[in-house]
N, C-alpha and C. Protein backbone atom coordinates (compact mmCIF):
# COMPACT_ATOMS: atom_id res chain seq x y z
N MET A 1 49.83 -3.39 11.03
CA MET A 1 49.89 -4.34 10.03
C MET A 1 48.48 -4.54 9.49
N LEU A 2 48.22 -4.72 8.29
CA LEU A 2 46.92 -5.19 7.65
C LEU A 2 46.65 -6.47 7.32
N LYS A 3 45.46 -7.03 7.81
CA LYS A 3 45.25 -8.46 7.77
C LYS A 3 43.88 -8.60 6.82
N SER A 4 44.05 -9.17 5.77
CA SER A 4 42.99 -9.38 4.83
C SER A 4 42.00 -10.40 5.45
N ILE A 5 40.64 -9.91 5.22
CA ILE A 5 39.56 -10.46 5.58
C ILE A 5 38.71 -10.82 4.37
N LYS A 6 38.46 -11.84 4.08
CA LYS A 6 37.49 -12.19 2.87
C LYS A 6 36.17 -12.65 3.55
N LYS A 7 35.12 -12.19 3.06
CA LYS A 7 33.57 -12.51 3.20
C LYS A 7 32.94 -12.90 2.15
N SER A 8 32.31 -13.87 2.43
CA SER A 8 31.22 -14.27 1.23
C SER A 8 29.94 -14.45 1.99
N TYR A 9 28.96 -14.05 1.36
CA TYR A 9 27.42 -14.26 1.55
C TYR A 9 26.78 -15.12 0.40
N ILE A 10 26.01 -16.23 0.84
CA ILE A 10 25.26 -16.74 -0.15
C ILE A 10 23.87 -16.77 0.35
N GLY A 11 23.05 -16.60 -0.76
CA GLY A 11 21.68 -16.51 -0.57
C GLY A 11 20.85 -17.49 -1.64
N VAL A 12 19.75 -18.02 -1.44
CA VAL A 12 18.98 -18.70 -2.25
C VAL A 12 17.75 -18.33 -2.39
N SER A 13 17.41 -18.15 -3.30
CA SER A 13 15.83 -17.60 -3.63
C SER A 13 15.62 -16.25 -3.28
N ALA A 14 14.96 -16.00 -2.22
CA ALA A 14 14.62 -14.78 -1.71
C ALA A 14 15.71 -14.39 -0.96
N GLY A 15 16.67 -14.99 -0.55
CA GLY A 15 17.96 -14.62 0.13
C GLY A 15 18.58 -13.68 -0.51
N PRO A 16 19.01 -13.68 -1.50
CA PRO A 16 19.83 -12.62 -2.29
C PRO A 16 18.87 -11.28 -2.50
N ALA A 17 17.73 -11.34 -2.55
CA ALA A 17 16.85 -10.25 -2.64
C ALA A 17 16.91 -9.16 -1.62
N VAL A 18 17.07 -9.93 -0.32
CA VAL A 18 17.07 -9.04 0.77
C VAL A 18 18.53 -8.50 1.24
N MET A 19 19.39 -9.05 0.35
CA MET A 19 20.74 -8.54 0.48
C MET A 19 21.04 -7.49 -0.32
N GLN A 20 20.14 -7.04 -1.22
CA GLN A 20 20.19 -5.98 -2.27
C GLN A 20 19.78 -4.66 -1.57
N LYS A 21 19.89 -3.51 -2.45
CA LYS A 21 19.68 -2.22 -1.66
C LYS A 21 18.07 -2.20 -1.39
N ASN A 22 17.22 -3.06 -2.01
CA ASN A 22 15.86 -2.93 -1.75
C ASN A 22 14.99 -4.14 -2.59
N ILE A 23 13.92 -4.17 -2.45
CA ILE A 23 13.13 -5.31 -2.91
C ILE A 23 11.75 -4.76 -3.79
N ASN A 24 12.02 -3.58 -4.32
CA ASN A 24 10.99 -2.84 -5.07
C ASN A 24 10.74 -3.56 -6.19
N LEU A 25 11.70 -4.36 -6.93
CA LEU A 25 11.37 -5.03 -8.07
C LEU A 25 10.23 -5.98 -7.69
N ILE A 26 10.69 -6.83 -6.77
CA ILE A 26 9.95 -8.04 -6.19
C ILE A 26 8.71 -7.73 -6.04
N ASP A 27 8.48 -6.39 -5.12
CA ASP A 27 7.17 -6.10 -5.04
C ASP A 27 6.01 -5.71 -6.24
N LYS A 28 6.88 -5.35 -7.18
CA LYS A 28 6.10 -5.19 -8.59
C LYS A 28 5.41 -6.37 -9.05
N TYR A 29 5.80 -7.27 -8.58
CA TYR A 29 5.46 -8.65 -9.06
C TYR A 29 4.43 -9.38 -8.16
N THR A 30 4.57 -9.20 -6.80
CA THR A 30 4.01 -9.77 -6.06
C THR A 30 3.65 -8.91 -4.65
N PRO A 31 2.90 -7.84 -5.13
CA PRO A 31 2.60 -6.87 -3.79
C PRO A 31 1.74 -7.58 -2.68
N GLU A 32 0.84 -8.75 -3.20
CA GLU A 32 0.20 -9.33 -2.25
C GLU A 32 1.24 -10.02 -1.08
N MET A 33 2.16 -10.27 -1.45
CA MET A 33 2.99 -11.07 -0.28
C MET A 33 3.25 -10.01 0.97
N ASN A 34 3.06 -8.79 0.71
CA ASN A 34 2.98 -7.86 1.69
C ASN A 34 1.91 -7.47 2.37
N ASP A 35 0.51 -8.15 2.30
CA ASP A 35 -0.64 -8.01 2.73
C ASP A 35 -0.53 -8.10 4.22
N GLU A 36 0.06 -9.38 4.65
CA GLU A 36 0.07 -9.72 6.09
C GLU A 36 1.05 -8.81 6.83
N THR A 37 2.25 -8.67 6.19
CA THR A 37 3.43 -7.92 6.96
C THR A 37 3.42 -6.40 7.02
N LYS A 38 2.57 -5.84 5.87
CA LYS A 38 2.46 -4.39 5.95
C LYS A 38 3.51 -3.70 5.95
N LEU A 39 4.78 -4.11 5.30
CA LEU A 39 5.92 -3.43 5.23
C LEU A 39 5.77 -1.98 4.61
N ASN A 40 6.19 -0.81 5.25
CA ASN A 40 6.40 0.53 4.80
C ASN A 40 7.36 0.77 4.04
N ASP A 41 8.74 -0.10 4.71
CA ASP A 41 9.94 0.29 3.94
C ASP A 41 10.52 -1.25 3.33
N LEU A 42 10.76 -0.77 2.05
CA LEU A 42 11.30 -2.08 1.17
C LEU A 42 12.78 -2.19 1.29
N THR A 43 13.64 -1.24 2.01
CA THR A 43 14.88 -1.33 1.93
C THR A 43 15.47 -2.58 2.26
N GLY A 44 16.45 -3.02 1.45
CA GLY A 44 17.20 -4.38 1.85
C GLY A 44 18.41 -3.96 2.72
N MET A 45 19.29 -5.12 2.80
CA MET A 45 20.66 -4.89 3.61
C MET A 45 21.59 -4.14 2.92
N SER A 46 21.50 -3.75 1.60
CA SER A 46 22.40 -3.14 0.86
C SER A 46 24.02 -3.66 1.00
N LEU A 47 23.73 -4.92 0.72
CA LEU A 47 25.26 -5.75 0.80
C LEU A 47 25.72 -5.78 -0.63
N THR A 48 25.06 -5.41 -1.58
CA THR A 48 25.50 -5.26 -2.97
C THR A 48 24.69 -4.38 -3.66
N ASN A 49 25.32 -3.76 -4.79
CA ASN A 49 24.66 -2.51 -5.27
C ASN A 49 23.98 -3.23 -6.70
N ILE A 50 23.74 -4.43 -6.91
CA ILE A 50 22.99 -5.01 -7.92
C ILE A 50 21.63 -5.65 -7.38
N GLU A 51 20.70 -5.73 -8.33
CA GLU A 51 19.41 -6.27 -7.87
C GLU A 51 19.22 -7.60 -8.91
N ILE A 52 18.72 -8.55 -8.51
CA ILE A 52 18.48 -9.62 -9.51
C ILE A 52 16.87 -10.04 -9.74
N LEU A 53 16.62 -10.81 -10.68
CA LEU A 53 15.31 -11.23 -10.80
C LEU A 53 15.41 -12.85 -10.82
N PRO A 54 15.24 -13.32 -9.66
CA PRO A 54 15.40 -14.90 -9.38
C PRO A 54 14.33 -15.56 -10.20
N HIS A 55 14.73 -16.81 -10.47
CA HIS A 55 13.48 -17.93 -10.86
C HIS A 55 13.01 -17.37 -12.12
N TYR A 56 13.76 -16.75 -12.99
CA TYR A 56 13.19 -15.97 -14.15
C TYR A 56 12.45 -16.94 -15.20
N THR A 57 13.07 -17.90 -15.57
CA THR A 57 12.37 -18.99 -16.63
C THR A 57 11.03 -19.34 -15.92
N ARG A 58 11.00 -20.00 -14.85
CA ARG A 58 9.87 -20.37 -14.09
C ARG A 58 8.64 -19.53 -13.93
N TYR A 59 9.17 -18.17 -13.76
CA TYR A 59 8.28 -17.11 -13.53
C TYR A 59 7.76 -16.65 -14.76
N LEU A 60 8.11 -16.97 -15.96
CA LEU A 60 7.75 -16.47 -17.31
C LEU A 60 6.21 -16.88 -17.46
N SER A 61 5.75 -17.95 -16.96
CA SER A 61 4.39 -18.36 -17.17
C SER A 61 3.35 -18.10 -15.96
N LYS A 62 4.21 -17.78 -14.87
CA LYS A 62 3.37 -17.41 -13.50
C LYS A 62 2.96 -16.03 -13.57
N PHE A 63 3.79 -15.02 -13.98
CA PHE A 63 3.49 -13.54 -13.94
C PHE A 63 3.21 -13.07 -15.23
N ASP A 64 2.09 -12.20 -15.57
CA ASP A 64 1.84 -11.46 -16.65
C ASP A 64 2.70 -10.48 -16.84
N ARG A 65 3.51 -10.11 -17.91
CA ARG A 65 4.25 -9.17 -18.50
C ARG A 65 5.69 -9.09 -17.56
N ILE A 66 6.11 -10.27 -17.08
CA ILE A 66 7.33 -10.36 -16.24
C ILE A 66 8.48 -9.57 -16.95
N GLU A 67 8.82 -9.85 -18.39
CA GLU A 67 9.82 -8.97 -18.89
C GLU A 67 9.44 -7.53 -19.17
N GLU A 68 8.36 -7.15 -19.31
CA GLU A 68 8.16 -5.88 -19.40
C GLU A 68 8.17 -4.85 -18.22
N ILE A 69 7.79 -5.69 -17.20
CA ILE A 69 7.92 -5.07 -15.86
C ILE A 69 9.33 -4.98 -15.58
N ALA A 70 10.41 -5.76 -15.77
CA ALA A 70 11.56 -5.71 -15.48
C ALA A 70 12.36 -4.62 -16.41
N ALA A 71 11.98 -4.68 -17.66
CA ALA A 71 12.47 -3.57 -18.64
C ALA A 71 12.04 -2.28 -18.18
N GLU A 72 10.81 -2.05 -17.63
CA GLU A 72 10.38 -0.74 -17.21
C GLU A 72 11.09 -0.43 -16.04
N TYR A 73 11.31 -1.20 -15.07
CA TYR A 73 11.99 -0.96 -13.88
C TYR A 73 13.50 -0.53 -14.25
N GLU A 74 14.06 -1.29 -15.12
CA GLU A 74 15.44 -0.80 -15.43
C GLU A 74 15.70 0.61 -15.87
N ILE A 75 14.51 1.03 -16.78
CA ILE A 75 14.60 2.31 -17.22
C ILE A 75 14.28 3.31 -16.27
N GLU A 76 13.27 3.06 -15.21
CA GLU A 76 12.83 3.97 -14.39
C GLU A 76 14.02 4.15 -13.50
N ASN A 77 14.79 3.08 -13.00
CA ASN A 77 16.02 3.17 -12.01
C ASN A 77 17.35 3.10 -12.43
N ASP A 78 17.38 3.22 -13.88
CA ASP A 78 18.73 3.37 -14.64
C ASP A 78 19.72 2.22 -13.86
N CYS A 79 19.39 1.01 -14.11
CA CYS A 79 20.02 -0.16 -13.74
C CYS A 79 19.75 -1.34 -14.74
N LYS A 80 20.64 -2.47 -14.59
CA LYS A 80 20.28 -3.71 -15.36
C LYS A 80 20.36 -4.68 -14.42
N ILE A 81 18.99 -5.54 -14.63
CA ILE A 81 18.54 -6.47 -13.90
C ILE A 81 19.04 -7.91 -14.35
N PRO A 82 19.96 -8.51 -13.73
CA PRO A 82 20.40 -10.04 -14.43
C PRO A 82 19.03 -10.83 -14.01
N ARG A 83 18.68 -11.60 -15.00
CA ARG A 83 17.55 -12.73 -14.86
C ARG A 83 18.25 -13.94 -14.62
N ILE A 84 17.99 -14.37 -13.41
CA ILE A 84 18.70 -15.69 -12.96
C ILE A 84 17.70 -16.71 -13.04
N ASP A 85 17.96 -17.71 -13.64
CA ASP A 85 17.20 -19.18 -13.70
C ASP A 85 17.57 -20.01 -12.48
N ASP A 86 16.70 -20.74 -12.28
CA ASP A 86 17.06 -21.93 -10.97
C ASP A 86 18.15 -22.59 -11.22
N GLY A 87 18.94 -22.80 -10.22
CA GLY A 87 20.38 -23.34 -10.59
C GLY A 87 21.45 -22.38 -10.86
N GLN A 88 21.22 -21.06 -11.08
CA GLN A 88 22.13 -20.22 -11.52
C GLN A 88 22.19 -19.32 -10.36
N GLY A 89 23.35 -18.49 -10.39
CA GLY A 89 23.54 -17.63 -9.34
C GLY A 89 24.70 -16.60 -9.78
N VAL A 90 24.73 -15.43 -8.74
CA VAL A 90 25.81 -14.50 -9.15
C VAL A 90 26.82 -14.53 -7.90
N PHE A 91 28.15 -14.53 -8.14
CA PHE A 91 29.03 -14.48 -7.13
C PHE A 91 29.68 -13.08 -7.12
N LEU A 92 29.75 -12.59 -6.09
CA LEU A 92 30.14 -11.21 -5.61
C LEU A 92 31.19 -11.43 -4.64
N GLY A 93 32.49 -11.09 -4.90
CA GLY A 93 33.63 -11.40 -4.04
C GLY A 93 34.05 -9.90 -3.49
N GLU A 94 34.19 -9.92 -2.17
CA GLU A 94 34.78 -8.51 -1.68
C GLU A 94 35.69 -8.69 -0.78
N ALA A 95 36.82 -7.90 -0.66
CA ALA A 95 37.79 -8.14 0.62
C ALA A 95 37.79 -6.82 1.51
N ALA A 96 38.04 -7.08 2.50
CA ALA A 96 38.14 -6.01 3.42
C ALA A 96 39.40 -6.26 4.25
N TYR A 97 39.56 -5.25 4.92
CA TYR A 97 40.90 -5.04 5.60
C TYR A 97 40.61 -4.54 7.07
N GLU A 98 41.27 -5.30 7.89
CA GLU A 98 41.20 -4.99 9.40
C GLU A 98 42.63 -4.58 9.74
N LEU A 99 42.84 -3.76 10.78
CA LEU A 99 43.80 -3.22 11.41
C LEU A 99 44.24 -3.84 12.51
N ILE A 100 45.35 -4.72 12.76
CA ILE A 100 45.65 -5.47 13.78
C ILE A 100 46.98 -5.14 14.38
């Protein structure tokens, strides 16, 4: 018999970023965040195959070239990065099955 198991993961701010396949895009904006931790591996948890750019509107005035960097990243990595504003999110639903 198969039993359906539904799992949901919710992340806020940096939470979804670590659920992605990597944090390479975030590193392009704030490589100094890694000065103390000295991460050599920017691999994420790979719970989703999309990458997001959180706090987009708020960061427009904080980072130079925010849109240009995101667009370059999309071209280099053949992907589309959703720009997410504060209060917005992306819901990804997934169903898994367990043999019981």
